[in-house]
C-alpha atoms as a PDB file:
ATOM      1  CA  UNK A   1      13.046 -42.720  -5.915  1.00  0.00           C
ATOM      2  CA  UNK A   2       9.484 -44.069  -6.207  1.00  0.00           C
ATOM      3  CA  UNK A   3       8.962 -47.811  -6.437  1.00  0.00           C
ATOM      4  CA  UNK A   4       6.955 -49.368  -9.289  1.00  0.00           C
ATOM      5  CA  UNK A   5       3.981 -49.768  -6.920  1.00  0.00           C
ATOM      6  CA  UNK A   6       4.126 -46.085  -5.910  1.00  0.00           C
ATOM      7  CA  UNK A   7       4.346 -44.976  -9.535  1.00  0.00           C
ATOM      8  CA  UNK A   8       1.301 -47.101 -10.408  1.00  0.00           C
ATOM      9  CA  UNK A   9      -0.618 -45.690  -7.422  1.00  0.00           C
ATOM     10  CA  UNK A  10       0.314 -42.131  -8.445  1.00  0.00           C
ATOM     11  CA  UNK A  11      -1.013 -42.700 -11.953  1.00  0.00           C
ATOM     12  CA  UNK A  12      -4.248 -44.126 -10.551  1.00  0.00           C
ATOM     13  CA  UNK A  13      -4.672 -41.196  -8.143  1.00  0.00           C
ATOM     14  CA  UNK A  14      -4.014 -38.674 -10.916  1.00  0.00           C
ATOM     15  CA  UNK A  15      -7.174 -39.840 -12.662  1.00  0.00           C
ATOM     16  CA  UNK A  16      -9.196 -38.346  -9.792  1.00  0.00           C
ATOM     17  CA  UNK A  17      -7.707 -34.835 -10.120  1.00  0.00           C
ATOM     18  CA  UNK A  18      -7.828 -34.029 -13.809  1.00  0.00           C
ATOM     19  CA  UNK A  19     -10.165 -31.061 -13.421  1.00  0.00           C
ATOM     20  CA  UNK A  20     -13.546 -30.672 -15.080  1.00  0.00           C
ATOM     21  CA  UNK A  21     -14.312 -33.266 -17.779  1.00  0.00           C
ATOM     22  CA  UNK A  22     -17.722 -32.299 -19.140  1.00  0.00           C
ATOM     23  CA  UNK A  23     -18.211 -29.422 -21.538  1.00  0.00           C
ATOM     24  CA  UNK A  24     -20.328 -27.573 -18.977  1.00  0.00           C
ATOM     25  CA  UNK A  25     -17.747 -28.137 -16.226  1.00  0.00           C
ATOM     26  CA  UNK A  26     -14.941 -26.821 -18.408  1.00  0.00           C
ATOM     27  CA  UNK A  27     -17.055 -23.806 -19.342  1.00  0.00           C
ATOM     28  CA  UNK A  28     -17.682 -22.976 -15.662  1.00  0.00           C
ATOM     29  CA  UNK A  29     -14.023 -23.500 -14.786  1.00  0.00           C
ATOM     30  CA  UNK A  30     -12.886 -21.210 -17.598  1.00  0.00           C
ATOM     31  CA  UNK A  31     -14.953 -18.387 -16.079  1.00  0.00           C
ATOM     32  CA  UNK A  32     -13.580 -18.737 -12.522  1.00  0.00           C
ATOM     33  CA  UNK A  33     -11.218 -15.758 -12.760  1.00  0.00           C
ATOM     34  CA  UNK A  34     -14.010 -13.623 -14.211  1.00  0.00           C
ATOM     35  CA  UNK A  35     -16.641 -14.888 -11.754  1.00  0.00           C
ATOM     36  CA  UNK A  36     -14.786 -13.973  -8.558  1.00  0.00           C
ATOM     37  CA  UNK A  37     -11.830 -11.993  -9.917  1.00  0.00           C
ATOM     38  CA  UNK A  38      -9.495 -13.273  -7.229  1.00  0.00           C
ATOM     39  CA  UNK A  39      -6.777 -14.193  -9.709  1.00  0.00           C
ATOM     40  CA  UNK A  40      -7.384 -11.377 -12.168  1.00  0.00           C
ATOM     41  CA  UNK A  41      -4.392  -9.323 -13.261  1.00  0.00           C
ATOM     42  CA  UNK A  42      -6.675  -6.273 -13.309  1.00  0.00           C
ATOM     43  CA  UNK A  43      -6.967  -4.460  -9.997  1.00  0.00           C
ATOM     44  CA  UNK A  44     -10.382  -2.954 -10.707  1.00  0.00           C
ATOM     45  CA  UNK A  45     -12.843  -5.369 -12.304  1.00  0.00           C
ATOM     46  CA  UNK A  46     -15.565  -4.380 -14.760  1.00  0.00           C
ATOM     47  CA  UNK A  47     -18.276  -4.631 -12.108  1.00  0.00           C
ATOM     48  CA  UNK A  48     -16.282  -2.456  -9.679  1.00  0.00           C
ATOM     49  CA  UNK A  49     -16.201   1.338  -9.538  1.00  0.00           C
ATOM     50  CA  UNK A  50     -12.980   2.899 -10.853  1.00  0.00           C
ATOM     51  CA  UNK A  51     -13.744   6.235  -9.164  1.00  0.00           C
ATOM     52  CA  UNK A  52     -14.229   4.450  -5.833  1.00  0.00           C
ATOM     53  CA  UNK A  53     -10.879   2.696  -6.254  1.00  0.00           C
ATOM     54  CA  UNK A  54      -9.158   5.976  -7.192  1.00  0.00           C
ATOM     55  CA  UNK A  55     -10.523   7.669  -4.055  1.00  0.00           C
ATOM     56  CA  UNK A  56      -9.545   4.622  -1.956  1.00  0.00           C
ATOM     57  CA  UNK A  57      -6.008   4.680  -3.409  1.00  0.00           C
ATOM     58  CA  UNK A  58      -5.620   8.432  -2.927  1.00  0.00           C
ATOM     59  CA  UNK A  59      -6.774   8.178   0.699  1.00  0.00           C
ATOM     60  CA  UNK A  60      -4.285   5.438   1.544  1.00  0.00           C
ATOM     61  CA  UNK A  61      -1.458   7.293  -0.194  1.00  0.00           C
ATOM     62  CA  UNK A  62      -2.347  10.371   1.833  1.00  0.00           C
ATOM     63  CA  UNK A  63      -2.390   8.338   5.072  1.00  0.00           C
ATOM     64  CA  UNK A  64       0.845   6.431   4.471  1.00  0.00           C
ATOM     65  CA  UNK A  65       2.750   9.340   2.871  1.00  0.00           C
ATOM     66  CA  UNK A  66       5.395   7.493   0.827  1.00  0.00           C
ATOM     67  CA  UNK A  67       8.582   9.556   0.603  1.00  0.00           C
ATOM     68  CA  UNK A  68      10.190   7.928  -2.441  1.00  0.00           C
ATOM     69  CA  UNK A  69       9.685   5.421  -5.260  1.00  0.00           C
ATOM     70  CA  UNK A  70      10.431   2.382  -3.080  1.00  0.00           C
ATOM     71  CA  UNK A  71       7.876   3.426  -0.466  1.00  0.00           C
ATOM     72  CA  UNK A  72       5.346   4.261  -3.219  1.00  0.00           C
ATOM     73  CA  UNK A  73       5.759   0.748  -4.638  1.00  0.00           C
ATOM     74  CA  UNK A  74       5.091  -0.768  -1.218  1.00  0.00           C
ATOM     75  CA  UNK A  75       2.046   1.457  -0.743  1.00  0.00           C
ATOM     76  CA  UNK A  76       0.725   0.268  -4.120  1.00  0.00           C
ATOM     77  CA  UNK A  77       1.133  -3.348  -2.953  1.00  0.00           C
ATOM     78  CA  UNK A  78      -0.757  -2.506   0.253  1.00  0.00           C
ATOM     79  CA  UNK A  79      -3.566  -0.804  -1.679  1.00  0.00           C
ATOM     80  CA  UNK A  80      -3.929  -3.707  -4.107  1.00  0.00           C
ATOM     81  CA  UNK A  81      -4.035  -6.254  -1.281  1.00  0.00           C
ATOM     82  CA  UNK A  82      -6.603  -4.236   0.687  1.00  0.00           C
ATOM     83  CA  UNK A  83      -8.798  -3.771  -2.391  1.00  0.00           C
ATOM     84  CA  UNK A  84      -8.716  -7.511  -3.147  1.00  0.00           C
ATOM     85  CA  UNK A  85      -9.471  -8.370   0.488  1.00  0.00           C
ATOM     86  CA  UNK A  86     -12.507  -6.079   0.307  1.00  0.00           C
ATOM     87  CA  UNK A  87     -13.606  -7.966  -2.815  1.00  0.00           C
ATOM     88  CA  UNK A  88     -13.286 -11.301  -1.005  1.00  0.00           C
ATOM     89  CA  UNK A  89     -15.266  -9.965   1.949  1.00  0.00           C
ATOM     90  CA  UNK A  90     -18.083  -8.935  -0.416  1.00  0.00           C
ATOM     91  CA  UNK A  91     -18.051 -12.350  -2.095  1.00  0.00           C
ATOM     92  CA  UNK A  92     -18.085 -14.136   1.261  1.00  0.00           C
ATOM     93  CA  UNK A  93     -20.963 -11.966   2.523  1.00  0.00           C
ATOM     94  CA  UNK A  94     -22.918 -12.738  -0.642  1.00  0.00           C
ATOM     95  CA  UNK A  95     -22.216 -16.467  -0.298  1.00  0.00           C
ATOM     96  CA  UNK A  96     -23.365 -16.442   3.329  1.00  0.00           C
ATOM     97  CA  UNK A  97     -26.742 -15.020   2.287  1.00  0.00           C
ATOM     98  CA  UNK A  98     -27.479 -18.075   0.141  1.00  0.00           C
ATOM     99  CA  UNK A  99     -30.023 -20.587   1.453  1.00  0.00           C
ATOM    100  CA  UNK A 100     -27.321 -23.259   1.584  1.00  0.00           C
ATOM    101  CA  UNK A 101     -23.907 -21.573   1.738  1.00  0.00           C
ATOM    102  CA  UNK A 102     -21.182 -23.391  -0.204  1.00  0.00           C
ATOM    103  CA  UNK A 103     -18.706 -24.172   2.583  1.00  0.00           C
ATOM    104  CA  UNK A 104     -16.025 -25.231   0.114  1.00  0.00           C
ATOM    105  CA  UNK A 105     -16.240 -21.854  -1.636  1.00  0.00           C
ATOM    106  CA  UNK A 106     -16.242 -20.002   1.685  1.00  0.00           C
ATOM    107  CA  UNK A 107     -13.136 -21.924   2.730  1.00  0.00           C
ATOM    108  CA  UNK A 108     -11.499 -20.992  -0.581  1.00  0.00           C
ATOM    109  CA  UNK A 109     -12.272 -17.319   0.058  1.00  0.00           C
ATOM    110  CA  UNK A 110     -10.867 -17.585   3.566  1.00  0.00           C
ATOM    111  CA  UNK A 111      -7.625 -19.208   2.368  1.00  0.00           C
ATOM    112  CA  UNK A 112      -7.140 -16.622  -0.371  1.00  0.00           C
ATOM    113  CA  UNK A 113      -7.832 -13.738   2.029  1.00  0.00           C
ATOM    114  CA  UNK A 114      -5.285 -15.250   4.425  1.00  0.00           C
ATOM    115  CA  UNK A 115      -2.612 -15.254   1.704  1.00  0.00           C
ATOM    116  CA  UNK A 116      -3.399 -11.654   0.840  1.00  0.00           C
ATOM    117  CA  UNK A 117      -3.267 -10.600   4.500  1.00  0.00           C
ATOM    118  CA  UNK A 118       0.140 -12.256   4.957  1.00  0.00           C
ATOM    119  CA  UNK A 119       1.419 -10.350   1.923  1.00  0.00           C
ATOM    120  CA  UNK A 120      -0.145  -7.179   3.295  1.00  0.00           C
ATOM    121  CA  UNK A 121       1.625  -7.626   6.642  1.00  0.00           C
ATOM    122  CA  UNK A 122       4.948  -8.212   4.847  1.00  0.00           C
ATOM    123  CA  UNK A 123       4.514  -5.031   2.774  1.00  0.00           C
ATOM    124  CA  UNK A 124       3.548  -3.018   5.868  1.00  0.00           C
ATOM    125  CA  UNK A 125       6.603  -4.328   7.730  1.00  0.00           C
ATOM    126  CA  UNK A 126       8.905  -3.354   4.834  1.00  0.00           C
ATOM    127  CA  UNK A 127       7.261   0.067   4.659  1.00  0.00           C
ATOM    128  CA  UNK A 128       7.778   0.627   8.397  1.00  0.00           C
ATOM    129  CA  UNK A 129      11.470  -0.270   8.053  1.00  0.00           C
ATOM    130  CA  UNK A 130      11.859   1.991   5.020  1.00  0.00           C
ATOM    131  CA  UNK A 131      10.199   4.872   6.870  1.00  0.00           C
ATOM    132  CA  UNK A 132      12.452   4.325   9.906  1.00  0.00           C
ATOM    133  CA  UNK A 133      15.537   4.436   7.658  1.00  0.00           C
ATOM    134  CA  UNK A 134      14.225   7.555   5.882  1.00  0.00           C
ATOM    135  CA  UNK A 135      13.533   9.236   9.244  1.00  0.00           C
ATOM    136  CA  UNK A 136      17.147   8.647  10.326  1.00  0.00           C
ATOM    137  CA  UNK A 137      18.432  10.124   7.077  1.00  0.00           C
ATOM    138  CA  UNK A 138      16.115  13.116   7.443  1.00  0.00           C
ATOM    139  CA  UNK A 139      17.128  13.734  11.050  1.00  0.00           C
ATOM    140  CA  UNK A 140      20.791  13.763  10.034  1.00  0.00           C
ATOM    141  CA  UNK A 141      20.408  15.890   6.885  1.00  0.00           C
ATOM    142  CA  UNK A 142      17.528  18.255   7.580  1.00  0.00           C
ATOM    143  CA  UNK A 143      19.293  20.938   9.706  1.00  0.00           C
ATOM    144  CA  UNK A 144      21.980  21.541   7.048  1.00  0.00           C
ATOM    145  CA  UNK A 145      19.456  21.392   4.199  1.00  0.00           C
ATOM    146  CA  UNK A 146      17.259  23.986   5.936  1.00  0.00           C
ATOM    147  CA  UNK A 147      20.259  26.256   6.552  1.00  0.00           C
ATOM    148  CA  UNK A 148      21.403  26.052   2.915  1.00  0.00           C
ATOM    149  CA  UNK A 149      17.870  26.658   1.630  1.00  0.00           C
ATOM    150  CA  UNK A 150      17.385  29.704   3.878  1.00  0.00           C
ATOM    151  CA  UNK A 151      20.720  31.140   2.705  1.00  0.00           C
ATOM    152  CA  UNK A 152      19.762  30.545  -0.943  1.00  0.00           C
ATOM    153  CA  UNK A 153      16.391  32.227  -0.424  1.00  0.00           C
ATOM    154  CA  UNK A 154      18.065  35.242   1.201  1.00  0.00           C
ATOM    155  CA  UNK A 155      20.598  35.451  -1.637  1.00  0.00           C
ATOM    156  CA  UNK A 156      17.799  34.975  -4.205  1.00  0.00           C
ATOM    157  CA  UNK A 157      19.508  31.988  -5.837  1.00  0.00           C
ATOM    158  CA  UNK A 158      18.229  28.476  -6.712  1.00  0.00           C
ATOM    159  CA  UNK A 159      18.795  25.556  -4.362  1.00  0.00           C
ATOM    160  CA  UNK A 160      20.138  22.225  -5.614  1.00  0.00           C
ATOM    161  CA  UNK A 161      19.989  19.779  -2.698  1.00  0.00           C
ATOM    162  CA  UNK A 162      21.226  16.862  -4.816  1.00  0.00           C
ATOM    163  CA  UNK A 163      24.459  18.753  -5.411  1.00  0.00           C
ATOM    164  CA  UNK A 164      25.253  18.284  -1.715  1.00  0.00           C
ATOM    165  CA  UNK A 165      24.070  14.672  -1.565  1.00  0.00           C
ATOM    166  CA  UNK A 166      20.860  15.338   0.326  1.00  0.00           C
ATOM    167  CA  UNK A 167      18.163  12.671   0.089  1.00  0.00           C
ATOM    168  CA  UNK A 168      15.425  15.251   0.707  1.00  0.00           C
ATOM    169  CA  UNK A 169      13.019  16.979  -1.644  1.00  0.00           C
ATOM    170  CA  UNK A 170      13.095  20.748  -1.938  1.00  0.00           C
ATOM    171  CA  UNK A 171       9.334  20.826  -1.327  1.00  0.00           C
ATOM    172  CA  UNK A 172       9.812  18.998   1.980  1.00  0.00           C
ATOM    173  CA  UNK A 173      12.580  21.355   3.115  1.00  0.00           C
ATOM    174  CA  UNK A 174      10.421  24.366   2.178  1.00  0.00           C
ATOM    175  CA  UNK A 175       7.536  22.864   4.151  1.00  0.00           C
ATOM    176  CA  UNK A 176       9.780  22.473   7.212  1.00  0.00           C
ATOM    177  CA  UNK A 177      10.942  26.097   6.916  1.00  0.00           C
ATOM    178  CA  UNK A 178       7.348  27.293   6.514  1.00  0.00           C
ATOM    179  CA  UNK A 179       6.303  25.290   9.597  1.00  0.00           C
ATOM    180  CA  UNK A 180       9.217  26.683  11.639  1.00  0.00           C
ATOM    181  CA  UNK A 181       8.336  30.263  10.640  1.00  0.00           C
ATOM    182  CA  UNK A 182       4.647  29.708  11.433  1.00  0.00           C
ATOM    183  CA  UNK A 183       5.529  28.211  14.840  1.00  0.00           C
ATOM    184  CA  UNK A 184       7.807  31.167  15.697  1.00  0.00           C
ATOM    185  CA  UNK A 185       5.111  33.658  14.668  1.00  0.00           C
ATOM    186  CA  UNK A 186       2.523  31.793  16.744  1.00  0.00           C
ATOM    187  CA  UNK A 187       4.870  31.709  19.750  1.00  0.00           C
ATOM    188  CA  UNK A 188       5.282  35.505  19.578  1.00  0.00           C
ATOM    189  CA  UNK A 189       1.496  35.897  19.646  1.00  0.00           C
ATOM    190  CA  UNK A 190       0.875  33.369  22.413  1.00  0.00           C
ATOM    191  CA  UNK A 191       3.872  34.385  24.567  1.00  0.00           C
ATOM    192  CA  UNK A 192       4.551  38.075  23.895  1.00  0.00           C
ATOM    193  CA  UNK A 193       7.458  39.694  25.649  1.00  0.00           C
ATOM    194  CA  UNK A 194       6.959  41.939  28.702  1.00  0.00           C
ATOM    195  CA  UNK A 195       4.926  45.062  27.980  1.00  0.00           C
ATOM    196  CA  UNK A 196       7.043  48.207  28.291  1.00  0.00           C
ATOM    197  CA  UNK A 197       5.467  51.035  30.218  1.00  0.00           C
ATOM    198  CA  UNK A 198       5.832  54.567  28.974  1.00  0.00           C
ATOM    199  CA  UNK A 199       8.194  56.668  31.092  1.00  0.00           C
END
């Protein structure tokens, strides 16, 4: 518990950290989130290009290939962190071009980027673990799922993978079958059997 002297000192020190006091200072402070957008709830700010963000997001989704809702959520976290880090980099570059760069502001950008990068690393680590777990499930389930799907296609009946407890999408199983068929066809072309000579 604080002594009376410590409590008095704390009150005195608090007078030095009460934020902006003048009308102009309060006005500037109130615009901080809009000025740099680092704490904005919006991912894409008004001065940023929505189409550029959409293309950026689509590219990362294509690269990371989330297999389910959990992985998609992690990929969204990764995209948001990367987009905000890009924003900080632009702000820092702009600040460095000033005649007298504001070192305090640059330090603030650096600290905020560091927090975002730590979150990014955590999301990437979780995504890697989720993908490893999904790969193990796929390795165990895929042969049976492919066999059932091929039988259903031959019998001209629908396939319900969930009925058998598979954690695989029908589109993915069809893609695997298509790839297997294409590989077999290519192998027959590349390595044809021995040519039979006419008697």
